[in-house]
């Protein structure tokens, strides 16, 4: 006679495997069944990672890369679920930082919970969890991009790429390479110098680069997603390179006469990207394909996979929901207004970082950083303690990179 087994008697790993098949809303209800269920669900971030992968495949990966360890996958899911109702929440718009020079590239991309800001004296860093200054500054004024994870810190300047592995690595822990742009994925860095494309395997003892291909076209954007390297070129071609170095080529689905006008590209992969320049807007995703020739004048854009944030010359911060756009040649774009910047100011860069209590939108003008803060979950307060241990380790790497930059 078969014995009846209660769900609470199942081993934890079986319980987690079952819950990974549940959708996010049902999972939230399961948390309220009892303390044992809540502790089991909250204690396994892999459950929420799986839910994010199924419901917010690309936007959740962007959010986690931006937030780093500020948010667990549980917080990422909760925040992304609330974005659909973001205009119903109160917001706080405030000036955060003022620059001494007129520049359109003051704010570097938020990465791993860190906001790098570039001014006349170099680059300073702020922890996005509490918006506190990080006691690390880089005097290099030509810094273009800073990326970190638990394995490595990478800084791109106009002279090249500086790489610093974690302090407990064996062999050579730092290196410099001539490069124009790069992308970091786990323990691999891909970069290009001109049309030459290289790979750095950080699992090796020494930091060395390997040439993987010579592109036939000038490269505008480089991205890595799901085991494929994507190169977006100035002539409208997308070059895809697998981990086995198999190379394929495809054109951007856009009339050839308009391709040369697409000045800016924000991409996740070859099926999810936005190309734009002033009034020309071309969007491709897994579900949606939009092309507008009379779009509002775009001064800044953030591509969040399921939505697009836009800055306009009138100082508006607009939300473009992919799911609300109608198809057809006569369709017009539909926007929600998130904020209007003070008179005379408009965003030239936009970024987003998810925090436990809700999203933080970073709008950079020529002279200021303006923050738009939302409290989806006011009870989710950040700890008042100092920087986490993993961030302190990362900051020490940045200090070593700072010394390297000053001595070079």
Protein backbone atom coordinates (compact mmCIF):
# COMPACT_ATOMS: atom_id res chain seq x y z
CA UNK A 1 0.00 0.00 0.00
CA UNK A 2 1.45 3.33 -1.06
CA UNK A 3 2.28 5.74 1.72
CA UNK A 4 0.91 9.27 1.51
CA UNK A 5 3.68 11.89 1.66
CA UNK A 6 2.86 15.41 2.77
CA UNK A 7 4.51 18.26 0.92
CA UNK A 8 6.12 19.48 4.14
CA UNK A 9 7.87 16.12 4.43
CA UNK A 10 9.65 16.52 1.08
CA UNK A 11 13.41 17.20 1.05
CA UNK A 12 14.20 20.89 0.59
CA UNK A 13 15.77 20.35 -2.85
CA UNK A 14 12.57 18.64 -4.12
CA UNK A 15 10.44 21.41 -2.61
CA UNK A 16 12.57 24.04 -4.40
CA UNK A 17 12.39 22.11 -7.69
CA UNK A 18 8.59 22.13 -7.50
CA UNK A 19 8.45 25.85 -6.70
CA UNK A 20 10.70 26.69 -9.65
CA UNK A 21 7.80 25.63 -11.89
CA UNK A 22 5.43 28.14 -10.25
CA UNK A 23 4.80 31.66 -11.58
CA UNK A 24 5.84 34.69 -9.54
CA UNK A 25 2.36 35.68 -8.32
CA UNK A 26 1.62 32.14 -7.11
CA UNK A 27 5.06 32.01 -5.50
CA UNK A 28 4.24 35.14 -3.54
CA UNK A 29 1.06 33.47 -2.28
CA UNK A 30 3.04 30.37 -1.31
CA UNK A 31 5.23 32.56 0.91
CA UNK A 32 2.16 33.31 3.02
CA UNK A 33 1.19 29.68 3.66
CA UNK A 34 3.40 29.26 6.72
CA UNK A 35 6.75 30.26 8.19
CA UNK A 36 8.48 27.12 6.88
CA UNK A 37 7.38 27.84 3.31
CA UNK A 38 8.30 31.51 3.59
CA UNK A 39 11.77 30.69 4.94
CA UNK A 40 12.32 28.05 2.26
CA UNK A 41 11.27 30.39 -0.56
CA UNK A 42 13.11 33.43 0.77
CA UNK A 43 16.21 31.41 1.49
CA UNK A 44 16.56 30.17 -2.10
CA UNK A 45 17.30 32.99 -4.51
CA UNK A 46 17.55 30.48 -7.37
CA UNK A 47 13.76 30.14 -7.29
CA UNK A 48 13.30 33.86 -7.97
CA UNK A 49 16.10 33.80 -10.55
CA UNK A 50 14.14 31.16 -12.45
CA UNK A 51 10.91 33.18 -12.18
CA UNK A 52 12.74 36.29 -13.46
CA UNK A 53 14.19 34.28 -16.34
CA UNK A 54 10.72 33.09 -17.37
CA UNK A 55 8.77 36.34 -16.91
CA UNK A 56 11.43 39.05 -17.43
CA UNK A 57 14.16 37.26 -19.37
CA UNK A 58 16.25 40.23 -20.50
CA UNK A 59 15.17 43.09 -18.24
CA UNK A 60 15.93 41.04 -15.12
CA UNK A 61 19.47 40.33 -16.33
CA UNK A 62 19.99 44.05 -17.01
CA UNK A 63 18.60 44.92 -13.58
CA UNK A 64 20.79 42.39 -11.75
CA UNK A 65 23.94 43.51 -13.58
CA UNK A 66 23.18 47.11 -12.69
CA UNK A 67 22.28 46.41 -9.06
CA UNK A 68 24.91 43.76 -8.31
CA UNK A 69 24.45 42.55 -4.76
CA UNK A 70 22.23 45.49 -3.78
CA UNK A 71 19.23 43.33 -4.69
CA UNK A 72 18.54 39.64 -4.58
CA UNK A 73 16.52 38.13 -7.44
CA UNK A 74 13.47 38.36 -5.16
CA UNK A 75 13.75 42.15 -5.11
CA UNK A 76 14.46 42.31 -8.85
CA UNK A 77 11.27 40.38 -9.58
CA UNK A 78 9.13 42.50 -7.25
CA UNK A 79 10.39 45.74 -8.78
CA UNK A 80 9.97 44.67 -12.40
CA UNK A 81 6.47 43.44 -11.65
CA UNK A 82 5.56 46.92 -10.38
CA UNK A 83 6.96 48.84 -13.37
CA UNK A 84 3.64 48.39 -15.17
CA UNK A 85 2.04 50.67 -12.53
CA UNK A 86 5.00 53.04 -12.07
CA UNK A 87 3.01 56.15 -13.01
CA UNK A 88 0.62 55.53 -10.08
CA UNK A 89 3.42 55.90 -7.53
CA UNK A 90 4.70 59.12 -6.02
CA UNK A 91 8.22 60.07 -7.06
CA UNK A 92 10.94 62.31 -5.71
CA UNK A 93 12.91 64.37 -8.24
CA UNK A 94 16.07 66.00 -6.90
CA UNK A 95 19.46 67.25 -7.96
CA UNK A 96 22.18 64.89 -6.74
CA UNK A 97 25.46 66.16 -8.18
CA UNK A 98 26.61 69.34 -9.93
CA UNK A 99 29.53 69.42 -12.37
CA UNK A 100 31.97 72.21 -13.04
CA UNK A 101 32.25 71.59 -16.79
CA UNK A 102 29.75 71.39 -19.67
CA UNK A 103 29.84 67.78 -20.91
CA UNK A 104 27.36 65.19 -22.19
CA UNK A 105 29.25 62.17 -20.80
CA UNK A 106 29.52 63.01 -17.09
CA UNK A 107 27.77 59.82 -15.93
CA UNK A 108 29.31 56.48 -16.84
CA UNK A 109 27.07 53.40 -16.90
CA UNK A 110 25.81 52.17 -13.54
CA UNK A 111 27.36 48.75 -12.98
CA UNK A 112 27.37 46.32 -10.05
CA UNK A 113 25.65 48.85 -7.80
CA UNK A 114 28.17 51.63 -8.49
CA UNK A 115 27.62 54.98 -10.23
CA UNK A 116 30.85 56.46 -11.68
CA UNK A 117 30.79 60.23 -12.28
CA UNK A 118 33.37 61.99 -14.43
CA UNK A 119 34.34 65.60 -13.79
CA UNK A 120 37.31 67.89 -14.39
CA UNK A 121 39.47 66.18 -11.74
CA UNK A 122 38.70 62.59 -12.71
CA UNK A 123 36.16 59.92 -11.74
CA UNK A 124 34.38 59.55 -8.39
CA UNK A 125 32.13 56.68 -7.33
CA UNK A 126 28.84 56.41 -5.45
CA UNK A 127 27.25 53.33 -3.89
CA UNK A 128 23.73 53.10 -5.33
CA UNK A 129 22.32 51.30 -2.28
CA UNK A 130 22.69 54.38 -0.09
CA UNK A 131 23.99 57.06 -2.53
CA UNK A 132 27.09 57.49 -0.39
CA UNK A 133 30.45 58.55 -1.75
CA UNK A 134 32.93 55.69 -2.11
CA UNK A 135 36.41 56.68 -0.87
CA UNK A 136 38.01 55.90 -4.23
CA UNK A 137 38.79 58.42 -6.96
CA UNK A 138 40.55 57.98 -10.30
CA UNK A 139 42.40 60.99 -11.64
CA UNK A 140 42.08 59.82 -15.26
CA UNK A 141 39.84 62.39 -16.96
CA UNK A 142 39.50 60.35 -20.15
CA UNK A 143 37.70 57.44 -18.47
CA UNK A 144 34.91 56.05 -20.70
CA UNK A 145 33.58 52.97 -18.92
CA UNK A 146 34.00 51.14 -15.59
CA UNK A 147 32.79 47.57 -15.01
CA UNK A 148 33.11 45.28 -11.99
CA UNK A 149 32.10 41.88 -10.74
CA UNK A 150 33.38 39.46 -8.11
CA UNK A 151 36.26 38.42 -10.37
CA UNK A 152 37.61 41.58 -11.96
CA UNK A 153 37.52 45.36 -12.35
CA UNK A 154 37.87 46.85 -15.84
CA UNK A 155 38.38 50.49 -16.83
CA UNK A 156 38.25 51.75 -20.41
CA UNK A 157 39.98 55.04 -21.17
CA UNK A 158 40.72 56.75 -24.45
CA UNK A 159 44.18 55.15 -24.36
CA UNK A 160 43.02 51.58 -23.74
CA UNK A 161 41.67 48.90 -21.41
CA UNK A 162 42.97 48.35 -17.85
CA UNK A 163 42.13 44.97 -16.28
CA UNK A 164 42.56 44.08 -12.57
CA UNK A 165 41.69 40.58 -11.32
CA UNK A 166 40.71 39.85 -7.72
CA UNK A 167 43.56 39.93 -5.24
CA UNK A 168 43.64 36.18 -4.52
CA UNK A 169 44.18 35.25 -8.18
CA UNK A 170 47.25 33.28 -9.17
CA UNK A 171 49.71 34.56 -11.76
CA UNK A 172 49.56 38.05 -13.32
CA UNK A 173 46.58 39.97 -11.92
CA UNK A 174 46.57 43.05 -14.15
CA UNK A 175 46.97 43.98 -17.79
CA UNK A 176 46.57 46.73 -20.36
CA UNK A 177 45.25 46.41 -23.91
CA UNK A 178 44.58 48.80 -26.77
CA UNK A 179 40.79 48.86 -27.08
CA UNK A 180 37.86 51.00 -28.19
CA UNK A 181 35.05 49.17 -26.35
CA UNK A 182 34.51 45.98 -24.37
CA UNK A 183 31.92 43.78 -22.69
CA UNK A 184 32.41 41.73 -19.51
CA UNK A 185 30.54 38.47 -18.95
CA UNK A 186 31.45 36.45 -15.88
CA UNK A 187 35.12 35.53 -16.27
CA UNK A 188 35.45 36.52 -19.93
CA UNK A 189 36.13 39.93 -21.49
CA UNK A 190 35.53 40.63 -25.18
CA UNK A 191 36.90 43.82 -26.69
CA UNK A 192 37.69 45.32 -30.06
CA UNK A 193 40.40 47.63 -31.29
CA UNK A 194 39.36 48.94 -34.68
CA UNK A 195 38.01 45.90 -36.52
CA UNK A 196 40.09 43.38 -34.54
CA UNK A 197 38.03 41.48 -31.93
CA UNK A 198 39.72 39.84 -28.93
CA UNK A 199 38.88 37.60 -25.97
CA UNK A 200 40.42 37.57 -22.47
CA UNK A 201 39.83 34.39 -20.43
CA UNK A 202 40.11 35.39 -16.77
CA UNK A 203 40.25 31.77 -15.59
CA UNK A 204 43.80 31.54 -16.93
CA UNK A 205 46.71 32.40 -14.63
CA UNK A 206 47.93 35.25 -16.80
CA UNK A 207 45.86 38.00 -18.38
CA UNK A 208 46.38 37.64 -22.12
CA UNK A 209 44.23 38.43 -25.15
CA UNK A 210 43.36 36.14 -28.04
CA UNK A 211 42.37 37.46 -31.47
CA UNK A 212 39.10 35.77 -32.46
CA UNK A 213 38.18 37.57 -35.69
CA UNK A 214 38.84 40.48 -37.99
CA UNK A 215 35.50 42.16 -38.71
CA UNK A 216 34.86 43.31 -42.28
CA UNK A 217 33.09 46.47 -41.08
CA UNK A 218 33.59 49.24 -38.57
CA UNK A 219 32.11 48.32 -35.18
CA UNK A 220 29.63 50.60 -33.42
CA UNK A 221 28.46 48.42 -30.48
CA UNK A 222 29.58 45.15 -28.84
CA UNK A 223 27.39 42.92 -26.62
CA UNK A 224 27.49 39.38 -25.28
CA UNK A 225 24.33 37.36 -24.54
CA UNK A 226 23.58 33.65 -24.06
CA UNK A 227 26.93 32.43 -25.36
CA UNK A 228 27.02 34.66 -28.46
CA UNK A 229 29.05 37.80 -29.10
CA UNK A 230 27.15 40.43 -31.09
CA UNK A 231 28.86 43.14 -33.13
CA UNK A 232 26.70 45.97 -34.48
CA UNK A 233 28.42 47.72 -37.36
CA UNK A 234 28.18 51.19 -38.87
CA UNK A 235 26.77 49.81 -42.13
CA UNK A 236 23.78 48.11 -40.50
CA UNK A 237 25.19 44.58 -40.31
CA UNK A 238 25.04 42.43 -37.16
CA UNK A 239 27.91 39.97 -36.76
CA UNK A 240 27.27 37.02 -34.41
CA UNK A 241 30.15 34.92 -33.04
CA UNK A 242 29.52 31.75 -31.02
CA UNK A 243 31.78 30.34 -28.32
CA UNK A 244 33.06 27.93 -30.98
CA UNK A 245 33.96 30.94 -33.16
CA UNK A 246 31.30 30.23 -35.77
CA UNK A 247 30.46 33.55 -37.45
CA UNK A 248 27.18 34.57 -39.06
CA UNK A 249 26.03 37.89 -40.49
CA UNK A 250 22.58 39.48 -40.76
CA UNK A 251 21.32 42.97 -41.70
CA UNK A 252 19.29 45.22 -39.43
CA UNK A 253 15.70 45.03 -40.67
CA UNK A 254 15.54 48.64 -41.78
CA UNK A 255 15.45 50.32 -45.21
CA UNK A 256 19.06 50.69 -46.35
CA UNK A 257 18.70 54.43 -47.03
CA UNK A 258 17.86 55.00 -43.34
CA UNK A 259 20.65 52.88 -41.86
CA UNK A 260 23.28 55.62 -42.18
CA UNK A 261 21.08 57.91 -40.05
CA UNK A 262 20.96 55.47 -37.10
CA UNK A 263 23.63 57.09 -34.96
CA UNK A 264 23.00 55.32 -31.62
CA UNK A 265 22.50 51.66 -30.73
CA UNK A 266 21.41 50.11 -27.41
CA UNK A 267 21.48 46.33 -27.69
CA UNK A 268 20.97 43.14 -25.71
CA UNK A 269 21.43 40.75 -28.62
CA UNK A 270 20.70 40.55 -32.34
CA UNK A 271 16.95 40.15 -31.68
CA UNK A 272 16.60 42.82 -28.97
CA UNK A 273 17.94 46.27 -29.74
CA UNK A 274 17.06 49.92 -30.32
CA UNK A 275 18.61 52.14 -33.01
CA UNK A 276 17.85 55.85 -33.04
CA UNK A 277 18.98 59.34 -33.96
CA UNK A 278 16.87 62.39 -33.24
CA UNK A 279 13.49 61.62 -34.89
CA UNK A 280 14.30 58.18 -36.36
CA UNK A 281 13.50 55.25 -34.04
CA UNK A 282 13.93 51.55 -34.86
CA UNK A 283 13.17 48.88 -32.26
CA UNK A 284 13.41 45.10 -32.55
CA UNK A 285 12.60 42.65 -29.76
CA UNK A 286 11.46 39.04 -29.51
CA UNK A 287 7.83 40.24 -29.52
CA UNK A 288 7.77 43.73 -31.02
CA UNK A 289 9.12 45.47 -34.13
CA UNK A 290 8.58 49.23 -34.33
CA UNK A 291 9.83 51.85 -36.75
CA UNK A 292 8.98 55.55 -36.49
CA UNK A 293 10.24 58.31 -38.76
CA UNK A 294 8.70 61.23 -36.84
CA UNK A 295 9.56 60.33 -33.26
CA UNK A 296 9.92 63.08 -30.61
CA UNK A 297 13.48 64.44 -30.61
CA UNK A 298 15.48 61.99 -28.47
CA UNK A 299 18.29 63.37 -26.30
CA UNK A 300 18.83 60.23 -24.17
CA UNK A 301 17.57 56.64 -24.10
CA UNK A 302 17.64 53.63 -21.78
CA UNK A 303 16.58 50.28 -23.25
CA UNK A 304 15.07 48.06 -20.53
CA UNK A 305 13.90 45.21 -22.81
CA UNK A 306 10.19 45.50 -21.93
CA UNK A 307 10.09 49.30 -21.78
CA UNK A 308 12.19 52.17 -23.11
CA UNK A 309 13.00 55.34 -21.17
CA UNK A 310 13.38 58.47 -23.30
CA UNK A 311 14.68 61.96 -22.63
CA UNK A 312 13.45 64.75 -24.91
CA UNK A 313 14.68 68.25 -25.73
CA UNK A 314 11.69 69.62 -23.81
CA UNK A 315 13.06 68.13 -20.58
CA UNK A 316 10.57 65.26 -20.42
CA UNK A 317 11.37 61.77 -19.17
CA UNK A 318 9.01 59.50 -21.08
CA UNK A 319 8.14 55.83 -20.65
CA UNK A 320 7.55 53.91 -23.90
CA UNK A 321 5.76 50.64 -23.15
CA UNK A 322 6.34 48.08 -25.87
CA UNK A 323 3.14 46.20 -25.09
CA UNK A 324 0.94 49.31 -25.52
CA UNK A 325 2.15 50.24 -29.02
CA UNK A 326 -0.26 49.60 -31.88
CA UNK A 327 0.82 48.05 -35.16
CA UNK A 328 0.26 49.54 -38.57
CA UNK A 329 1.71 52.25 -40.83
CA UNK A 330 -0.51 54.98 -39.34
CA UNK A 331 0.10 54.07 -35.68
CA UNK A 332 1.57 56.70 -33.37
CA UNK A 333 3.88 56.10 -30.41
CA UNK A 334 2.26 56.11 -26.97
CA UNK A 335 4.10 57.56 -23.96
CA UNK A 336 3.67 57.98 -20.23
CA UNK A 337 5.37 61.02 -18.69
CA UNK A 338 7.48 60.04 -15.69
CA UNK A 339 8.94 63.46 -14.90
CA UNK A 340 9.74 66.87 -16.33
CA UNK A 341 13.15 68.27 -15.46
CA UNK A 342 13.59 71.88 -14.25
CA UNK A 343 13.15 74.50 -16.97
CA UNK A 344 15.98 74.65 -19.48
CA UNK A 345 17.40 71.24 -18.52
CA UNK A 346 17.14 67.99 -20.46
CA UNK A 347 18.70 64.55 -20.12
CA UNK A 348 21.69 63.65 -22.29
CA UNK A 349 22.14 60.28 -20.54
CA UNK A 350 19.68 57.96 -18.79
CA UNK A 351 20.28 54.97 -16.54
CA UNK A 352 18.33 52.85 -14.06
CA UNK A 353 19.34 50.99 -10.92
CA UNK A 354 16.92 48.80 -8.99
CA UNK A 355 17.10 49.01 -5.21
CA UNK A 356 15.21 46.98 -2.60
CA UNK A 357 12.56 49.66 -2.17
CA UNK A 358 12.16 50.50 -5.87
CA UNK A 359 13.87 51.85 -9.01
CA UNK A 360 16.18 54.84 -9.20
CA UNK A 361 16.33 56.69 -12.54
CA UNK A 362 19.55 58.63 -13.16
CA UNK A 363 19.20 61.53 -15.58
CA UNK A 364 22.41 63.31 -16.51
CA UNK A 365 22.24 66.81 -18.02
CA UNK A 366 25.20 68.87 -19.22
CA UNK A 367 25.79 70.15 -15.69
CA UNK A 368 23.86 67.98 -13.19
CA UNK A 369 22.85 64.52 -12.12
CA UNK A 370 19.13 64.50 -11.38
CA UNK A 371 17.58 61.51 -9.61
CA UNK A 372 14.01 60.28 -9.95
CA UNK A 373 13.30 57.94 -7.03
CA UNK A 374 10.34 55.61 -6.59
CA UNK A 375 9.36 53.81 -3.39
CA UNK A 376 7.51 50.70 -4.50
CA UNK A 377 8.25 49.06 -1.14
CA UNK A 378 8.99 51.71 1.53
CA UNK A 379 9.48 49.02 4.20
CA UNK A 380 12.48 47.64 2.31
CA UNK A 381 15.12 49.91 3.81
CA UNK A 382 18.81 49.64 3.02
CA UNK A 383 21.05 48.73 5.98
CA UNK A 384 22.74 51.64 7.72
CA UNK A 385 26.07 49.78 7.94
CA UNK A 386 29.15 50.59 5.89
CA UNK A 387 30.00 49.03 2.54
CA UNK A 388 29.61 45.24 2.25
CA UNK A 389 32.78 43.15 2.27
CA UNK A 390 32.51 42.20 -1.40
CA UNK A 391 32.24 45.87 -2.39
CA UNK A 392 35.22 46.81 -0.27
CA UNK A 393 37.24 44.19 -2.15
CA UNK A 394 36.08 45.66 -5.44
CA UNK A 395 36.98 49.18 -4.33
CA UNK A 396 40.49 48.02 -3.41
CA UNK A 397 40.87 46.77 -6.98
CA UNK A 398 39.77 50.18 -8.21
CA UNK A 399 42.44 51.79 -6.02
CA UNK A 400 45.10 49.57 -7.56
CA UNK A 401 43.81 50.46 -11.00
CA UNK A 402 43.95 54.11 -10.02
CA UNK A 403 47.64 53.73 -9.13
CA UNK A 404 48.26 51.95 -12.44
CA UNK A 405 46.54 54.75 -14.38
CA UNK A 406 48.51 57.45 -12.58
CA UNK A 407 51.85 55.73 -13.21
CA UNK A 408 51.23 54.96 -16.89
